[in-house]
């Protein structure tokens, strides 16, 4: 099962995902908690680039492609293997955020 939590900055996604992860684990379920952008070593590097205010000249196309690159790495390296192993994957943001912010 793949569950994403979406919402604007400061809406409580990180708090809620932590509570949900703890609850599901208390129920004896295997849970992988992750976030976007990031979730992998390469994704975290992309996240740092995207959030670096020194990159103010980044174009909208570059930005969306970096989000897509981070997601591709995330899916292949973490999400797909976790789901294949029978884990529940909880993700702080995913494709809906890209549509809302870069769409």
C-alpha atoms as a PDB file:
ATOM      1  CA  UNK A   1       0.000   0.000   0.000  1.00  0.00           C
ATOM      2  CA  UNK A   2       1.319   3.424  -0.978  1.00  0.00           C
ATOM      3  CA  UNK A   3      -0.093   6.428   0.896  1.00  0.00           C
ATOM      4  CA  UNK A   4       0.890  10.036   0.319  1.00  0.00           C
ATOM      5  CA  UNK A   5       0.191  13.014   2.518  1.00  0.00           C
ATOM      6  CA  UNK A   6      -0.195  16.246   0.583  1.00  0.00           C
ATOM      7  CA  UNK A   7      -0.710  19.824   1.661  1.00  0.00           C
ATOM      8  CA  UNK A   8       0.859  23.263   1.863  1.00  0.00           C
ATOM      9  CA  UNK A   9       3.873  24.149   3.991  1.00  0.00           C
ATOM     10  CA  UNK A  10       3.067  24.129   7.695  1.00  0.00           C
ATOM     11  CA  UNK A  11      -0.164  22.145   7.336  1.00  0.00           C
ATOM     12  CA  UNK A  12       1.037  19.298   9.559  1.00  0.00           C
ATOM     13  CA  UNK A  13       2.060  16.666   7.017  1.00  0.00           C
ATOM     14  CA  UNK A  14       5.276  15.769   8.812  1.00  0.00           C
ATOM     15  CA  UNK A  15       3.523  15.563  12.174  1.00  0.00           C
ATOM     16  CA  UNK A  16       0.718  13.414  10.810  1.00  0.00           C
ATOM     17  CA  UNK A  17       2.975  11.069   8.880  1.00  0.00           C
ATOM     18  CA  UNK A  18       5.026  10.468  12.032  1.00  0.00           C
ATOM     19  CA  UNK A  19       1.898   9.686  14.034  1.00  0.00           C
ATOM     20  CA  UNK A  20       0.526   7.398  11.313  1.00  0.00           C
ATOM     21  CA  UNK A  21       3.846   5.566  11.013  1.00  0.00           C
ATOM     22  CA  UNK A  22       3.948   4.978  14.767  1.00  0.00           C
ATOM     23  CA  UNK A  23       0.333   3.804  14.851  1.00  0.00           C
ATOM     24  CA  UNK A  24       0.752   1.341  11.978  1.00  0.00           C
ATOM     25  CA  UNK A  25       3.935  -0.048  13.489  1.00  0.00           C
ATOM     26  CA  UNK A  26       2.138  -0.501  16.818  1.00  0.00           C
ATOM     27  CA  UNK A  27      -0.369  -2.614  14.873  1.00  0.00           C
ATOM     28  CA  UNK A  28       2.512  -4.841  13.798  1.00  0.00           C
ATOM     29  CA  UNK A  29       2.699  -3.589  10.227  1.00  0.00           C
ATOM     30  CA  UNK A  30       5.919  -3.019   8.292  1.00  0.00           C
ATOM     31  CA  UNK A  31       6.096   0.655   7.343  1.00  0.00           C
ATOM     32  CA  UNK A  32       8.592   2.685   5.353  1.00  0.00           C
ATOM     33  CA  UNK A  33       8.316   6.441   5.895  1.00  0.00           C
ATOM     34  CA  UNK A  34       9.820   8.752   3.286  1.00  0.00           C
ATOM     35  CA  UNK A  35       9.505  12.207   1.722  1.00  0.00           C
ATOM     36  CA  UNK A  36       9.776  14.085  -1.529  1.00  0.00           C
ATOM     37  CA  UNK A  37      11.844  15.509  -2.857  1.00  0.00           C
ATOM     38  CA  UNK A  38      14.450  13.293  -1.292  1.00  0.00           C
ATOM     39  CA  UNK A  39      14.132   9.869   0.239  1.00  0.00           C
ATOM     40  CA  UNK A  40      17.407   8.639  -1.262  1.00  0.00           C
ATOM     41  CA  UNK A  41      20.993   9.897  -1.226  1.00  0.00           C
ATOM     42  CA  UNK A  42      20.653  11.302  -4.746  1.00  0.00           C
ATOM     43  CA  UNK A  43      17.157  12.626  -4.029  1.00  0.00           C
ATOM     44  CA  UNK A  44      18.440  14.450  -0.951  1.00  0.00           C
ATOM     45  CA  UNK A  45      21.133  16.110  -3.074  1.00  0.00           C
ATOM     46  CA  UNK A  46      18.474  17.200  -5.562  1.00  0.00           C
ATOM     47  CA  UNK A  47      16.343  18.467  -2.650  1.00  0.00           C
ATOM     48  CA  UNK A  48      19.257  20.585  -1.424  1.00  0.00           C
ATOM     49  CA  UNK A  49      19.665  22.070  -4.896  1.00  0.00           C
ATOM     50  CA  UNK A  50      15.941  22.808  -5.218  1.00  0.00           C
ATOM     51  CA  UNK A  51      15.737  24.465  -1.796  1.00  0.00           C
ATOM     52  CA  UNK A  52      18.967  26.468  -2.104  1.00  0.00           C
ATOM     53  CA  UNK A  53      17.984  30.142  -2.314  1.00  0.00           C
ATOM     54  CA  UNK A  54      21.230  30.791  -4.188  1.00  0.00           C
ATOM     55  CA  UNK A  55      19.613  29.031  -7.163  1.00  0.00           C
ATOM     56  CA  UNK A  56      17.118  31.823  -7.777  1.00  0.00           C
ATOM     57  CA  UNK A  57      17.792  31.819 -11.514  1.00  0.00           C
ATOM     58  CA  UNK A  58      16.546  28.216 -11.849  1.00  0.00           C
ATOM     59  CA  UNK A  59      13.943  28.043 -14.603  1.00  0.00           C
ATOM     60  CA  UNK A  60      10.543  26.433 -14.108  1.00  0.00           C
ATOM     61  CA  UNK A  61      11.439  23.678 -16.580  1.00  0.00           C
ATOM     62  CA  UNK A  62      14.675  22.904 -14.728  1.00  0.00           C
ATOM     63  CA  UNK A  63      12.778  22.807 -11.451  1.00  0.00           C
ATOM     64  CA  UNK A  64      10.134  20.353 -12.663  1.00  0.00           C
ATOM     65  CA  UNK A  65      12.777  18.139 -14.266  1.00  0.00           C
ATOM     66  CA  UNK A  66      14.735  18.025 -11.005  1.00  0.00           C
ATOM     67  CA  UNK A  67      11.577  17.002  -9.136  1.00  0.00           C
ATOM     68  CA  UNK A  68      10.980  14.301 -11.752  1.00  0.00           C
ATOM     69  CA  UNK A  69      14.579  13.073 -11.463  1.00  0.00           C
ATOM     70  CA  UNK A  70      14.310  12.879  -7.689  1.00  0.00           C
ATOM     71  CA  UNK A  71      11.025  10.974  -7.983  1.00  0.00           C
ATOM     72  CA  UNK A  72      12.420   8.519 -10.532  1.00  0.00           C
ATOM     73  CA  UNK A  73      15.323   7.696  -8.216  1.00  0.00           C
ATOM     74  CA  UNK A  74      12.974   7.475  -5.240  1.00  0.00           C
ATOM     75  CA  UNK A  75      10.575   5.070  -6.948  1.00  0.00           C
ATOM     76  CA  UNK A  76      13.284   2.770  -8.292  1.00  0.00           C
ATOM     77  CA  UNK A  77      15.543   2.748  -5.237  1.00  0.00           C
ATOM     78  CA  UNK A  78      13.097   2.878  -2.329  1.00  0.00           C
ATOM     79  CA  UNK A  79       9.367   2.863  -3.063  1.00  0.00           C
ATOM     80  CA  UNK A  80       9.059  -0.018  -5.546  1.00  0.00           C
ATOM     81  CA  UNK A  81      11.363  -2.375  -3.568  1.00  0.00           C
ATOM     82  CA  UNK A  82       9.572  -1.557  -0.300  1.00  0.00           C
ATOM     83  CA  UNK A  83       6.173  -2.283  -1.841  1.00  0.00           C
ATOM     84  CA  UNK A  84       7.477  -5.494  -3.423  1.00  0.00           C
ATOM     85  CA  UNK A  85       8.647  -6.590   0.043  1.00  0.00           C
ATOM     86  CA  UNK A  86       5.112  -6.100   1.386  1.00  0.00           C
ATOM     87  CA  UNK A  87       5.733  -2.874   3.284  1.00  0.00           C
ATOM     88  CA  UNK A  88       3.328   0.008   3.592  1.00  0.00           C
ATOM     89  CA  UNK A  89       5.014   3.116   2.184  1.00  0.00           C
ATOM     90  CA  UNK A  90       4.044   6.503   3.616  1.00  0.00           C
ATOM     91  CA  UNK A  91       5.335   9.470   1.645  1.00  0.00           C
ATOM     92  CA  UNK A  92       5.360  13.117   2.681  1.00  0.00           C
ATOM     93  CA  UNK A  93       4.367  14.592  -0.715  1.00  0.00           C
ATOM     94  CA  UNK A  94       4.407  12.983  -4.156  1.00  0.00           C
ATOM     95  CA  UNK A  95       2.974  13.722  -7.604  1.00  0.00           C
ATOM     96  CA  UNK A  96       0.044  15.848  -6.406  1.00  0.00           C
ATOM     97  CA  UNK A  97       2.471  18.407  -5.011  1.00  0.00           C
ATOM     98  CA  UNK A  98       4.286  18.611  -8.336  1.00  0.00           C
ATOM     99  CA  UNK A  99       1.004  19.241 -10.120  1.00  0.00           C
ATOM    100  CA  UNK A 100      -0.018  21.885  -7.572  1.00  0.00           C
ATOM    101  CA  UNK A 101       3.298  23.734  -7.424  1.00  0.00           C
ATOM    102  CA  UNK A 102       4.848  23.217 -10.860  1.00  0.00           C
ATOM    103  CA  UNK A 103       1.720  22.471 -12.903  1.00  0.00           C
END
